[in-house]
């Protein structure tokens, strides 16, 4: 079974995707009965615009600072050999 988000991704209903991801209850990581995300369906049907729409809410946590700072001696990371 698929959610409306999954169907919109495979049917290229990108206006729906845009509206859906703006809702705070939208979970872009939700999986269908075959364990696929809406992003998986967008990729399978070459819906590049849909992939872009889904990407930001899926990975928004990467853009948020986590408060952790890595200190390197001398201020720079060591050279990789």
C-alpha atoms as a PDB file:
ATOM      1  CA  UNK A   1       0.000   0.000   0.000  1.00  0.00           C
ATOM      2  CA  UNK A   2       1.200   3.523  -0.781  1.00  0.00           C
ATOM      3  CA  UNK A   3       0.507   6.870   0.844  1.00  0.00           C
ATOM      4  CA  UNK A   4      -0.616   9.911  -1.170  1.00  0.00           C
ATOM      5  CA  UNK A   5       2.997  11.119  -0.961  1.00  0.00           C
ATOM      6  CA  UNK A   6       4.219   7.958  -2.725  1.00  0.00           C
ATOM      7  CA  UNK A   7       1.550   8.209  -5.424  1.00  0.00           C
ATOM      8  CA  UNK A   8       2.318  11.890  -6.005  1.00  0.00           C
ATOM      9  CA  UNK A   9       6.015  11.109  -6.424  1.00  0.00           C
ATOM     10  CA  UNK A  10       5.445   8.448  -9.055  1.00  0.00           C
ATOM     11  CA  UNK A  11       2.665  10.359 -10.855  1.00  0.00           C
ATOM     12  CA  UNK A  12       4.750  13.565 -10.971  1.00  0.00           C
ATOM     13  CA  UNK A  13       2.163  15.461  -8.931  1.00  0.00           C
ATOM     14  CA  UNK A  14       4.808  17.928  -7.856  1.00  0.00           C
ATOM     15  CA  UNK A  15       2.358  20.626  -6.764  1.00  0.00           C
ATOM     16  CA  UNK A  16       0.967  18.108  -4.276  1.00  0.00           C
ATOM     17  CA  UNK A  17       4.474  17.184  -3.105  1.00  0.00           C
ATOM     18  CA  UNK A  18       5.324  20.857  -2.580  1.00  0.00           C
ATOM     19  CA  UNK A  19       2.194  21.416  -0.494  1.00  0.00           C
ATOM     20  CA  UNK A  20       2.604  18.164   1.436  1.00  0.00           C
ATOM     21  CA  UNK A  21       6.199  18.730   2.548  1.00  0.00           C
ATOM     22  CA  UNK A  22       5.251  22.161   3.911  1.00  0.00           C
ATOM     23  CA  UNK A  23       2.910  20.475   6.397  1.00  0.00           C
ATOM     24  CA  UNK A  24       4.669  19.762   9.679  1.00  0.00           C
ATOM     25  CA  UNK A  25       3.013  16.332   9.916  1.00  0.00           C
ATOM     26  CA  UNK A  26       4.489  15.187   6.592  1.00  0.00           C
ATOM     27  CA  UNK A  27       7.078  12.445   7.010  1.00  0.00           C
ATOM     28  CA  UNK A  28       9.104  12.131   3.792  1.00  0.00           C
ATOM     29  CA  UNK A  29      10.793   9.042   5.266  1.00  0.00           C
ATOM     30  CA  UNK A  30       7.543   7.053   5.509  1.00  0.00           C
ATOM     31  CA  UNK A  31       7.781   3.735   3.678  1.00  0.00           C
ATOM     32  CA  UNK A  32       5.166   1.949   1.620  1.00  0.00           C
ATOM     33  CA  UNK A  33       4.320  -1.744   1.965  1.00  0.00           C
ATOM     34  CA  UNK A  34       7.412  -2.572  -0.124  1.00  0.00           C
ATOM     35  CA  UNK A  35       9.616  -0.472   2.192  1.00  0.00           C
ATOM     36  CA  UNK A  36      10.113   2.260  -0.436  1.00  0.00           C
ATOM     37  CA  UNK A  37      10.064   5.983   0.288  1.00  0.00           C
ATOM     38  CA  UNK A  38       8.443   8.598  -1.930  1.00  0.00           C
ATOM     39  CA  UNK A  39      11.987   9.509  -3.009  1.00  0.00           C
ATOM     40  CA  UNK A  40      12.471   5.928  -4.219  1.00  0.00           C
ATOM     41  CA  UNK A  41       9.352   6.252  -6.395  1.00  0.00           C
ATOM     42  CA  UNK A  42      10.427   9.649  -7.719  1.00  0.00           C
ATOM     43  CA  UNK A  43      13.806   8.170  -8.689  1.00  0.00           C
ATOM     44  CA  UNK A  44      12.249   5.096 -10.308  1.00  0.00           C
ATOM     45  CA  UNK A  45       9.983   7.260 -12.464  1.00  0.00           C
ATOM     46  CA  UNK A  46      12.706   9.834 -13.211  1.00  0.00           C
ATOM     47  CA  UNK A  47      10.783  12.594 -11.449  1.00  0.00           C
ATOM     48  CA  UNK A  48      13.780  14.874 -10.901  1.00  0.00           C
ATOM     49  CA  UNK A  49      11.659  17.822  -9.758  1.00  0.00           C
ATOM     50  CA  UNK A  50       9.935  15.580  -7.225  1.00  0.00           C
ATOM     51  CA  UNK A  51      13.320  14.375  -5.983  1.00  0.00           C
ATOM     52  CA  UNK A  52      14.398  17.994  -5.421  1.00  0.00           C
ATOM     53  CA  UNK A  53      11.153  18.749  -3.571  1.00  0.00           C
ATOM     54  CA  UNK A  54      11.591  15.728  -1.275  1.00  0.00           C
ATOM     55  CA  UNK A  55      15.327  16.164  -0.687  1.00  0.00           C
ATOM     56  CA  UNK A  56      15.214  19.279   1.504  1.00  0.00           C
ATOM     57  CA  UNK A  57      12.753  17.996   4.110  1.00  0.00           C
ATOM     58  CA  UNK A  58      14.488  14.612   4.157  1.00  0.00           C
ATOM     59  CA  UNK A  59      17.908  16.064   4.901  1.00  0.00           C
ATOM     60  CA  UNK A  60      17.066  19.353   6.652  1.00  0.00           C
ATOM     61  CA  UNK A  61      18.730  18.109   9.829  1.00  0.00           C
ATOM     62  CA  UNK A  62      22.114  18.195   8.045  1.00  0.00           C
ATOM     63  CA  UNK A  63      21.843  21.964   7.556  1.00  0.00           C
ATOM     64  CA  UNK A  64      21.189  22.632  11.244  1.00  0.00           C
ATOM     65  CA  UNK A  65      24.207  23.231  13.472  1.00  0.00           C
ATOM     66  CA  UNK A  66      24.516  20.555  16.124  1.00  0.00           C
ATOM     67  CA  UNK A  67      26.577  22.599  18.575  1.00  0.00           C
ATOM     68  CA  UNK A  68      29.550  20.272  18.356  1.00  0.00           C
ATOM     69  CA  UNK A  69      32.904  21.782  17.506  1.00  0.00           C
ATOM     70  CA  UNK A  70      35.932  19.788  16.485  1.00  0.00           C
ATOM     71  CA  UNK A  71      39.163  21.376  17.636  1.00  0.00           C
ATOM     72  CA  UNK A  72      42.330  20.578  15.708  1.00  0.00           C
ATOM     73  CA  UNK A  73      45.818  21.245  17.074  1.00  0.00           C
ATOM     74  CA  UNK A  74      47.138  24.278  15.233  1.00  0.00           C
ATOM     75  CA  UNK A  75      43.636  25.086  13.943  1.00  0.00           C
ATOM     76  CA  UNK A  76      43.767  22.834  10.878  1.00  0.00           C
ATOM     77  CA  UNK A  77      42.967  19.153  10.362  1.00  0.00           C
ATOM     78  CA  UNK A  78      45.986  16.898   9.835  1.00  0.00           C
ATOM     79  CA  UNK A  79      47.048  16.053   6.287  1.00  0.00           C
ATOM     80  CA  UNK A  80      45.714  12.749   5.051  1.00  0.00           C
ATOM     81  CA  UNK A  81      48.441  10.403   3.850  1.00  0.00           C
END
